[in-house]
Protein backbone atom coordinates (compact mmCIF):
# COMPACT_ATOMS: atom_id res chain seq x y z
CA MET A 1 19.65 -20.88 -20.20
CA SER A 2 20.61 -17.40 -19.07
CA LEU A 3 23.54 -17.26 -21.51
CA ALA A 4 21.28 -18.28 -24.39
CA VAL A 5 18.83 -15.53 -23.45
CA GLY A 6 21.63 -12.98 -23.31
CA ALA A 7 22.94 -14.10 -26.70
CA LEU A 8 19.45 -13.77 -28.19
CA PHE A 9 19.10 -10.19 -27.01
CA VAL A 10 22.59 -9.30 -28.25
CA LEU A 11 21.53 -10.60 -31.68
CA LEU A 12 18.35 -8.51 -31.54
CA LEU A 13 20.44 -5.40 -30.78
CA VAL A 14 22.68 -6.09 -33.78
CA LEU A 15 19.67 -6.52 -36.04
CA ALA A 16 18.04 -3.39 -34.64
CA GLY A 17 21.15 -1.44 -35.57
CA TRP A 18 21.57 -2.78 -39.10
CA TRP A 19 19.34 -0.23 -40.82
CA PRO A 20 20.80 2.70 -38.80
CA LEU A 21 24.23 1.36 -39.82
CA ARG A 22 23.30 1.59 -43.49
CA ARG A 23 21.66 5.02 -43.19
CA LEU A 24 23.98 6.77 -40.72
CA ALA A 25 27.32 5.10 -41.43
CA GLY A 26 26.86 3.80 -44.94
CA GLY A 27 30.34 4.98 -45.87
CA TRP A 28 31.87 2.39 -43.55
CA VAL A 29 32.04 0.01 -46.48
CA GLY A 30 35.13 -2.14 -46.44
CA ALA A 31 35.29 -2.46 -42.68
CA ALA A 32 35.69 -6.01 -41.46
CA PRO A 33 32.39 -7.82 -40.90
CA LEU A 34 32.92 -7.95 -37.14
CA GLU A 35 33.62 -4.21 -37.09
CA ARG A 36 30.36 -3.58 -38.91
CA ALA A 37 28.57 -5.88 -36.48
CA ALA A 38 30.10 -3.94 -33.58
CA LEU A 39 28.85 -0.65 -35.01
CA ALA A 40 25.41 -2.18 -35.65
CA LEU A 41 25.34 -3.39 -32.04
CA ALA A 42 26.22 0.08 -30.79
CA LEU A 43 23.56 1.78 -32.91
CA GLY A 44 21.02 -0.91 -32.08
CA ALA A 45 21.68 -0.44 -28.36
CA ALA A 46 21.13 3.30 -28.78
CA VAL A 47 17.88 2.88 -30.73
CA THR A 48 16.51 0.10 -28.52
CA GLY A 49 17.52 1.77 -25.28
CA LEU A 50 15.96 5.10 -26.19
CA LEU A 51 12.76 3.36 -27.31
CA GLN A 52 12.63 1.34 -24.09
CA LEU A 53 12.95 4.55 -22.06
CA ALA A 54 10.18 6.23 -24.05
CA VAL A 55 7.89 3.25 -23.50
CA SER A 56 8.81 3.08 -19.81
CA ALA A 57 8.16 6.79 -19.36
CA CYS A 58 4.69 6.16 -20.79
CA GLY A 59 3.90 3.52 -18.18
CA ALA A 60 5.02 0.14 -19.58
CA PRO A 61 7.76 -2.20 -18.30
CA SER A 62 10.89 -2.90 -20.35
CA THR A 63 10.10 -6.23 -22.00
CA ALA A 64 11.34 -8.12 -25.06
CA LEU A 65 8.67 -6.43 -27.19
CA VAL A 66 10.74 -3.33 -27.95
CA PRO A 67 14.02 -5.04 -28.95
CA GLY A 68 12.06 -7.58 -31.00
CA ALA A 69 10.03 -4.89 -32.75
CA ALA A 70 13.11 -2.72 -33.33
CA ALA A 71 14.97 -5.65 -34.91
CA ALA A 72 12.02 -6.56 -37.14
CA LEU A 73 11.51 -2.96 -38.23
CA SER A 74 15.21 -2.55 -38.98
CA LEU A 75 15.23 -5.61 -41.24
CA LEU A 76 12.08 -4.43 -42.99
CA LEU A 77 13.53 -0.97 -43.59
CA CYS A 78 16.71 -2.51 -44.99
CA ARG A 79 14.50 -3.88 -47.76
CA LEU A 80 12.13 -0.95 -48.21
CA ALA A 81 14.41 2.04 -47.58
CA PRO A 82 18.06 0.99 -47.73
CA GLY A 83 19.25 4.54 -48.29
CA PRO A 84 21.22 6.12 -51.12
CA PRO A 85 24.37 4.31 -52.24
CA SER A 86 27.66 5.64 -50.92
CA PRO A 87 30.65 6.31 -53.15
CA PRO A 88 33.27 3.61 -52.69
CA PRO A 89 35.63 4.70 -49.92
CA VAL A 90 39.36 4.22 -49.73
CA ARG A 91 39.62 0.92 -47.93
CA ALA A 92 41.84 0.53 -44.89
CA GLY A 93 44.40 -2.23 -44.97
CA PRO A 94 43.59 -5.49 -43.22
CA LEU A 95 44.58 -5.94 -39.61
CA PRO A 96 47.95 -7.62 -39.11
CA GLY A 97 47.50 -11.26 -38.19
CA LEU A 98 48.98 -10.96 -34.71
CA LEU A 99 46.82 -7.93 -33.91
CA ALA A 100 43.70 -9.74 -35.13
CA LEU A 101 44.64 -12.72 -32.96
CA LEU A 102 45.16 -10.39 -30.01
CA LEU A 103 41.67 -8.93 -30.45
CA VAL A 104 40.15 -12.41 -30.56
CA VAL A 105 41.98 -13.45 -27.39
CA VAL A 106 40.93 -10.26 -25.60
CA ALA A 107 37.33 -10.75 -26.72
CA VAL A 108 37.19 -14.33 -25.43
CA ALA A 109 38.95 -13.46 -22.17
CA SER A 110 36.82 -10.41 -21.42
CA VAL A 111 33.52 -12.17 -22.17
CA GLY A 112 34.54 -15.15 -20.08
CA ALA A 113 35.56 -12.90 -17.20
CA ALA A 114 32.30 -10.95 -17.39
CA VAL A 115 29.79 -13.78 -17.63
CA GLY A 116 31.65 -16.04 -15.22
CA THR A 117 31.31 -13.66 -12.27
CA PRO A 118 28.23 -12.26 -10.51
CA PHE A 119 27.18 -8.64 -10.32
CA SER A 120 28.98 -6.80 -7.53
CA ALA A 121 29.40 -3.32 -6.03
CA ASP A 122 27.45 -0.78 -8.12
CA GLY A 123 26.41 -3.59 -10.43
CA VAL A 124 24.33 -4.94 -7.54
CA ARG A 125 23.36 -1.67 -5.91
CA ILE A 126 22.37 0.22 -9.06
CA TRP A 127 22.47 -1.30 -12.53
CA SER A 128 21.14 -4.83 -12.06
CA ALA A 129 18.73 -3.76 -9.31
CA LYS A 130 17.13 -1.19 -11.58
CA ALA A 131 17.09 -3.61 -14.51
CA ARG A 132 15.18 -6.18 -12.46
CA ASP A 133 12.77 -3.46 -11.42
CA LEU A 134 12.20 -2.23 -14.98
CA ALA A 135 11.46 -5.78 -16.12
CA LEU A 136 8.37 -5.70 -13.89
CA HIS A 137 7.48 -2.02 -13.59
CA ALA A 138 7.48 1.12 -15.68
CA ALA A 139 9.82 3.91 -14.73
CA THR A 140 6.76 5.81 -13.54
CA SER A 141 6.15 3.28 -10.76
CA ALA A 142 9.39 1.33 -10.20
CA PRO A 143 10.18 1.09 -6.46
CA SER A 144 13.87 1.73 -7.11
CA LEU A 145 12.94 5.17 -8.43
CA HIS A 146 10.10 6.15 -6.13
CA ASP A 147 10.54 4.40 -2.77
CA PRO A 148 13.47 5.73 -0.73
CA ASP A 149 13.05 2.88 1.75
CA ARG A 150 13.63 0.32 -1.01
CA PHE A 151 16.42 2.12 -2.84
CA GLY A 152 18.32 4.69 -0.84
CA VAL A 153 20.81 6.28 -3.25
CA HIS A 154 21.31 7.18 -6.90
CA ARG A 155 17.66 7.02 -7.84
CA ASP A 156 18.29 9.67 -10.48
CA TYR A 157 20.80 7.64 -12.51
CA PRO A 158 19.85 7.36 -16.21
CA LEU A 159 18.26 4.07 -17.18
CA LEU A 160 19.34 3.19 -20.73
CA VAL A 161 21.62 0.33 -19.61
CA PRO A 162 19.11 -1.12 -17.11
CA ALA A 163 16.44 -0.93 -19.82
CA LEU A 164 18.70 -2.96 -22.13
CA LEU A 165 19.32 -5.56 -19.42
CA ALA A 166 15.72 -5.81 -18.24
CA PRO A 167 14.44 -8.24 -20.93
CA SER A 168 17.26 -10.67 -20.12
CA PHE A 169 16.23 -10.64 -16.46
CA ALA A 170 12.58 -11.05 -17.43
CA TRP A 171 13.30 -14.16 -19.52
CA SER A 172 16.02 -15.80 -17.44
CA GLY A 173 14.90 -14.92 -13.92
CA PRO A 174 15.73 -12.15 -11.46
CA GLU A 175 18.66 -14.09 -9.95
CA ALA A 176 20.35 -14.70 -13.28
CA ALA A 177 23.63 -12.97 -13.99
CA ALA A 178 25.27 -14.62 -17.01
CA GLY A 179 22.73 -13.45 -19.62
CA PRO A 180 22.49 -9.81 -18.54
CA LYS A 181 26.26 -9.65 -18.10
CA LEU A 182 26.69 -11.06 -21.61
CA VAL A 183 24.75 -8.05 -22.91
CA LEU A 184 27.12 -5.75 -21.01
CA ALA A 185 30.13 -7.71 -22.26
CA ALA A 186 28.86 -7.38 -25.83
CA LEU A 187 28.67 -3.60 -25.43
CA ASN A 188 32.23 -3.69 -24.10
CA LEU A 189 33.31 -5.60 -27.22
CA ALA A 190 31.32 -3.19 -29.41
CA LEU A 191 33.54 -0.42 -28.07
CA LEU A 192 36.62 -2.38 -29.07
CA GLY A 193 35.16 -3.23 -32.49
CA VAL A 194 34.15 0.36 -33.27
CA ALA A 195 37.56 1.57 -32.11
CA SER A 196 39.19 -0.99 -34.41
CA GLY A 197 37.18 0.20 -37.39
CA LEU A 198 38.20 3.79 -36.71
CA LEU A 199 41.81 3.38 -35.59
CA ARG A 200 43.05 1.11 -38.37
CA ARG A 201 42.37 3.94 -40.84
CA ALA A 202 45.02 6.01 -39.05
CA GLY A 203 47.95 4.00 -40.37
CA PRO A 204 50.66 2.43 -38.19
CA ARG A 205 49.98 4.81 -35.34
CA GLY A 206 46.35 3.76 -35.33
CA LEU A 207 47.30 0.09 -35.25
CA ALA A 208 49.64 0.75 -32.33
CA ALA A 209 46.86 2.64 -30.56
CA LEU A 210 44.46 -0.25 -31.16
CA ALA A 211 46.95 -2.75 -29.73
CA GLY A 212 47.43 -0.52 -26.69
CA LEU A 213 43.70 -0.14 -26.17
CA ALA A 214 43.02 -3.87 -26.52
CA THR A 215 45.63 -4.80 -23.91
CA LEU A 216 44.50 -2.37 -21.22
CA PRO A 217 44.03 -4.19 -17.91
CA PHE A 218 40.92 -2.06 -17.31
CA LEU A 219 39.26 -3.51 -20.41
CA CYS A 220 39.54 -7.19 -19.64
CA SER A 221 40.99 -7.88 -16.18
CA LEU A 222 39.09 -8.85 -13.04
CA GLU A 223 42.11 -7.77 -11.00
CA VAL A 224 41.42 -4.10 -11.69
CA ARG A 225 38.94 -2.62 -9.25
CA GLU A 226 35.62 -1.78 -10.88
CA SER A 227 36.99 -2.62 -14.33
CA ALA A 228 34.99 -2.90 -17.54
CA VAL A 229 34.33 -6.62 -16.93
CA ALA A 230 34.04 -6.61 -13.14
CA GLY A 231 30.79 -6.12 -11.29
CA GLY A 232 28.58 -4.91 -14.10
CA TYR A 233 29.24 -1.23 -14.74
CA ALA A 234 27.95 1.01 -17.54
CA ASP A 235 31.16 2.94 -18.19
CA SER A 236 32.18 1.13 -21.38
CA THR A 237 28.72 1.83 -22.80
CA ASP A 238 29.23 5.52 -22.02
CA ALA A 239 32.68 5.42 -23.68
CA LEU A 240 31.16 3.71 -26.74
CA PHE A 241 28.54 6.39 -27.30
CA LEU A 242 31.04 9.18 -26.62
CA LEU A 243 33.38 7.70 -29.23
CA LEU A 244 30.54 7.66 -31.78
CA VAL A 245 29.64 11.26 -30.96
CA VAL A 246 33.22 12.38 -31.60
CA ALA A 247 33.43 10.39 -34.86
CA GLY A 248 30.16 11.94 -35.98
CA VAL A 249 31.25 15.46 -35.03
CA GLN A 250 34.35 15.07 -37.18
CA ARG A 251 32.17 14.08 -40.10
CA LEU A 252 30.01 17.18 -39.58
CA GLY A 253 32.96 19.37 -40.56
CA ALA A 254 34.01 17.31 -43.56
CA GLU A 255 30.90 16.24 -45.48
CA GLU A 256 29.18 18.35 -48.09
CA ARG A 257 25.84 16.77 -47.08
CA PRO A 258 26.09 16.20 -43.34
CA ALA A 259 22.65 14.69 -42.70
CA ARG A 260 24.09 11.25 -41.93
CA ALA A 261 26.70 12.69 -39.60
CA ALA A 262 24.08 14.78 -37.82
CA GLY A 263 21.94 11.67 -37.38
CA LEU A 264 24.87 9.76 -35.90
CA VAL A 265 25.69 12.58 -33.47
CA ALA A 266 22.04 12.89 -32.45
CA LEU A 267 21.47 9.17 -31.90
CA ALA A 268 24.74 8.55 -30.06
CA GLY A 269 24.40 11.82 -28.14
CA GLY A 270 20.88 11.02 -26.97
CA ALA A 271 22.06 7.58 -25.84
CA LEU A 272 25.09 9.13 -24.11
CA VAL A 273 22.91 11.49 -22.07
CA SER A 274 20.65 8.56 -21.19
CA THR A 275 23.46 6.24 -20.06
CA LYS A 276 25.15 8.00 -17.13
CA LEU A 277 24.79 11.28 -15.27
CA GLU A 278 28.10 12.44 -16.72
CA GLY A 279 26.81 11.93 -20.26
CA GLY A 280 25.10 15.30 -20.50
CA VAL A 281 28.26 17.12 -19.48
CA GLU A 282 30.34 14.99 -21.85
CA LEU A 283 28.07 15.87 -24.77
CA LEU A 284 28.30 19.54 -23.84
CA VAL A 285 32.11 19.38 -23.67
CA VAL A 286 32.32 17.81 -27.14
CA VAL A 287 29.94 20.37 -28.63
CA VAL A 288 31.82 23.31 -27.12
CA ALA A 289 35.16 21.81 -28.18
CA ALA A 290 33.84 21.36 -31.72
CA LEU A 291 32.75 24.99 -31.92
CA LEU A 292 36.07 26.20 -30.52
CA ALA A 293 37.87 24.03 -33.06
CA GLY A 294 36.07 25.84 -35.86
CA LEU A 295 33.44 23.30 -36.89
CA PRO A 296 30.43 25.02 -38.47
CA ARG A 297 27.90 26.07 -35.87
CA ARG A 298 24.99 25.59 -38.25
CA ARG A 299 25.82 21.88 -38.34
CA VAL A 300 26.95 21.16 -34.80
CA LEU A 301 24.17 22.88 -32.84
CA PRO A 302 21.16 21.28 -34.64
CA ALA A 303 22.70 17.82 -34.18
CA ALA A 304 23.26 18.50 -30.48
CA ALA A 305 19.72 19.84 -30.11
CA LEU A 306 18.32 16.68 -31.69
CA ALA A 307 20.39 14.59 -29.26
CA VAL A 308 18.80 16.45 -26.35
CA LEU A 309 15.38 15.89 -27.90
CA LEU A 310 16.01 12.13 -28.08
CA ALA A 311 16.94 12.19 -24.40
CA LEU A 312 13.64 13.76 -23.33
CA PRO A 313 12.32 10.46 -21.86
CA THR A 314 15.36 10.39 -19.59
CA PHE A 315 14.69 13.93 -18.41
CA ALA A 316 11.01 13.12 -17.85
CA ILE A 317 11.85 10.02 -15.80
CA ARG A 318 14.43 11.85 -13.69
CA ALA A 319 11.99 14.67 -13.00
CA GLY A 320 9.55 12.19 -11.48
CA VAL A 321 11.86 10.19 -9.21
CA ALA A 322 11.85 10.58 -5.44
CA GLY A 323 14.31 13.11 -4.08
CA ASP A 324 17.84 11.82 -3.58
CA GLU A 325 20.63 12.83 -1.25
CA ALA A 326 22.83 15.53 -2.75
CA ALA A 327 26.04 13.92 -3.96
CA PHE A 328 27.75 17.26 -4.46
CA GLU A 329 28.03 20.41 -2.38
CA LEU A 330 28.24 23.27 -4.84
CA ALA A 331 28.84 25.69 -1.98
CA SER A 332 32.28 24.10 -1.63
CA LEU A 333 33.30 25.76 -4.89
CA LEU A 334 32.83 29.16 -3.22
CA ALA A 335 34.67 28.31 0.01
CA PRO A 336 38.38 29.21 -0.30
CA GLY A 337 39.32 27.09 2.71
CA VAL A 338 37.66 24.00 1.32
CA LEU A 339 39.21 24.54 -2.11
CA ALA A 340 42.67 24.99 -0.62
CA ALA A 341 42.33 21.79 1.40
CA ARG A 342 40.94 19.70 -1.43
CA ALA A 343 42.97 20.97 -4.38
CA PRO A 344 46.29 19.19 -3.64
CA PRO A 345 44.89 15.65 -3.20
CA ILE A 346 42.58 16.13 -6.19
CA ALA A 347 45.41 17.37 -8.42
CA SER A 348 47.59 14.50 -7.25
CA GLY A 349 44.84 11.94 -7.78
CA LEU A 350 43.97 13.11 -11.29
CA ALA A 351 47.63 13.30 -12.30
CA GLY A 352 48.08 9.80 -10.96
CA LEU A 353 45.56 8.51 -13.50
CA ALA A 354 48.12 9.04 -16.24
CA LEU A 355 50.59 6.90 -14.29
CA ASP A 356 48.14 4.21 -13.22
CA ALA A 357 49.65 1.32 -15.15
CA SER A 358 47.41 -1.11 -13.28
CA SER A 359 44.40 0.27 -15.17
CA PHE A 360 45.58 2.08 -18.29
CA ALA A 361 49.14 0.80 -18.88
CA LEU A 362 50.42 4.38 -19.38
CA LEU A 363 48.22 4.83 -22.48
CA PRO A 364 47.18 8.33 -21.29
CA LEU A 365 50.85 9.39 -21.47
CA LEU A 366 51.00 8.13 -25.07
CA VAL A 367 47.90 10.19 -25.90
CA LEU A 368 49.52 13.29 -24.43
CA ALA A 369 52.77 12.60 -26.29
CA TRP A 370 50.83 12.51 -29.58
CA LEU A 371 48.63 15.52 -28.81
CA LEU A 372 51.09 18.06 -27.44
CA PRO A 373 53.44 18.51 -30.45
CA SER A 374 52.34 20.72 -33.31
CA ALA A 375 49.81 19.14 -35.63
CA PRO A 376 50.89 18.09 -39.14
CA ALA A 377 49.49 19.93 -42.12
CA GLY A 378 45.75 19.53 -42.49
CA GLN A 379 45.24 18.20 -38.95
CA THR A 380 45.09 21.41 -36.94
CA ARG A 381 41.36 21.10 -36.37
CA THR A 382 41.72 17.53 -35.09
CA ARG A 383 44.38 18.55 -32.57
CA THR A 384 42.40 21.60 -31.46
CA LEU A 385 39.27 19.50 -30.97
CA ALA A 386 41.21 16.95 -28.91
CA LEU A 387 42.91 19.55 -26.70
CA TRP A 388 39.65 21.35 -25.93
CA MET A 389 37.99 18.02 -25.16
CA LEU A 390 40.86 17.11 -22.84
CA ALA A 391 40.64 20.49 -21.11
CA GLY A 392 36.88 20.17 -20.70
CA ALA A 393 37.16 16.66 -19.29
CA LEU A 394 39.80 17.69 -16.76
CA LEU A 395 37.80 20.78 -15.76
CA PHE A 396 34.68 18.68 -15.22
CA LEU A 397 36.52 16.07 -13.14
CA ALA A 398 38.27 18.68 -11.04
CA THR A 399 35.02 20.56 -10.41
CA ALA A 400 33.14 17.38 -9.52
CA TYR A 401 35.73 16.28 -6.96
CA LEU A 402 36.09 19.76 -5.49
CA ALA A 403 32.35 19.78 -4.85
CA THR A 404 31.98 16.14 -3.80
CA GLY A 405 30.09 15.27 -0.66
CA MET A 406 32.50 12.39 -0.04
CA ILE A 407 36.11 12.45 1.07
CA PRO A 408 37.79 13.59 -2.18
CA ALA A 409 40.64 11.07 -2.09
CA ARG A 410 38.19 8.22 -1.54
CA HIS A 411 35.87 9.47 -4.29
CA ILE A 412 38.78 9.71 -6.74
CA TYR A 413 39.96 6.21 -5.83
CA THR A 414 36.58 4.65 -6.49
CA SER A 415 35.52 6.52 -9.62
CA ALA A 416 38.17 8.63 -11.36
CA HIS A 417 39.56 5.76 -13.44
CA ARG A 418 36.06 4.83 -14.62
CA LEU A 419 35.24 8.43 -15.57
CA ALA A 420 38.58 8.79 -17.35
CA TRP A 421 37.74 5.64 -19.31
CA HIS A 422 34.78 7.47 -20.83
CA TRP A 423 37.19 9.81 -22.61
CA LEU A 424 40.21 7.64 -23.35
CA PRO A 425 39.04 5.85 -26.55
CA ALA A 426 37.85 9.10 -28.17
CA LEU A 427 41.02 11.01 -27.26
CA LEU A 428 43.13 8.08 -28.43
CA LEU A 429 41.34 8.17 -31.79
CA LEU A 430 42.01 11.89 -32.26
CA ALA A 431 45.64 11.56 -31.16
CA ALA A 432 46.24 8.66 -33.56
CA GLN A 433 44.85 10.69 -36.46
CA LEU A 434 47.52 13.36 -36.10
CA ALA A 435 50.17 11.41 -37.99
CA PRO A 436 48.58 9.34 -40.77
CA ALA A 437 51.15 7.23 -42.54
CA PRO A 438 51.83 7.81 -46.24
CA GLY A 439 49.55 5.75 -48.42
CA HIS A 440 46.72 5.65 -45.86
CA ALA A 441 43.51 7.62 -46.14
CA PRO A 442 43.09 10.44 -43.65
CA ALA A 443 41.50 9.07 -40.54
CA HIS A 444 38.59 11.46 -40.43
CA PRO A 445 35.78 11.50 -41.25
CA ALA A 446 36.04 8.08 -39.73
CA THR A 447 32.90 6.43 -41.03
CA THR A 448 32.44 8.12 -44.39
CA PRO A 449 34.25 8.13 -47.72
CA ALA A 450 34.41 11.93 -47.86
CA ARG A 451 37.99 13.21 -47.69
CA ARG A 452 38.07 16.89 -46.86
CA PRO A 453 40.04 17.40 -43.62
CA ASP A 454 39.46 20.76 -42.01
CA ALA A 455 36.77 21.70 -44.52
CA ALA A 456 34.23 24.21 -43.23
């Protein structure tokens, strides 16, 4: 029963994203049907989640009404306002048979691992607990947000993922796990599907990157601590929206009429900010990196401002929650003794992420190997964007762990690999684009037929 409920709500998310798919990524014609469905699921999750948060901030619980209405409206708009036709794009070649088989095996294994295990760790303490609460209460009155005796920590976490899970809990019961975890597993697969649609346009290097991404232990193994399929975390959802933001930002610098790209950046950016606390910083890093890479300010800043506007329900909800314990001690950043004591283990821990084969199979080293050499002709902007994003991500992680209220080594052990996962698919995409094979279309803009790399 719970699995059927979860499957129903996954279908509603796909339908809710079908009209945004046609309006915001209409140039992604020629992508495999499952890749289009993955992108529709991602956009539908963004639309539905943001609507659920707006309704919850106004005093209503997160029920099936919003995803059902969003799906129905999307189908209606596909008939009434399908959007202008897109010029036919240069189609990417089909996936090699073995790689397609690998993706199917990974999809089956990861879904089975996710739905066959209960929520655990933060999945119990935070994400599922808040989802159960939102199924019964609005964010304005949910005990997990307003009663410190009922919910002691992390009351200020954004609620987009719990709002997406809440209808599954409402229909299948508060003790159910399979249905809500199927929704999370579908978002995990949406990340892989969107990455497939983007990476296979980058030629042989993109296919190699896709194979490396699909086989990461973090993506599908229960043996990896706090992995994408273990417990019930929201990190793959964060990585999905961040990947879409980066793909949209690339389009902003390449399209003559960037309205679609701006809409994609705004929608994915608003969802990113509403998914995890780190999302706001991640959006800021991408925006600053885009400006430093030379993308036109008149395009980037309005899209980012619209993303912030879409996240206003998240800010309103966070402003009303009961006070939480400070997770970070900013005064530590001004204490030379504390910095000197913490810097070595933090530097060692962050460097160890690149060598953590148990989670990432050395894929971060491959990204660095592709990013560090000089960019080929026409790809300077892509390399500059990627390097500034990498620098911003490392600066944020280092600052967060220097100011942590926990023991830094312990904090890094429990969270650094999950936070690095937010960035890895997007950085892998940019790195793979730096050497497009002859005969393949340039990899960016990734979801549009326009072909003007490095255009202002």
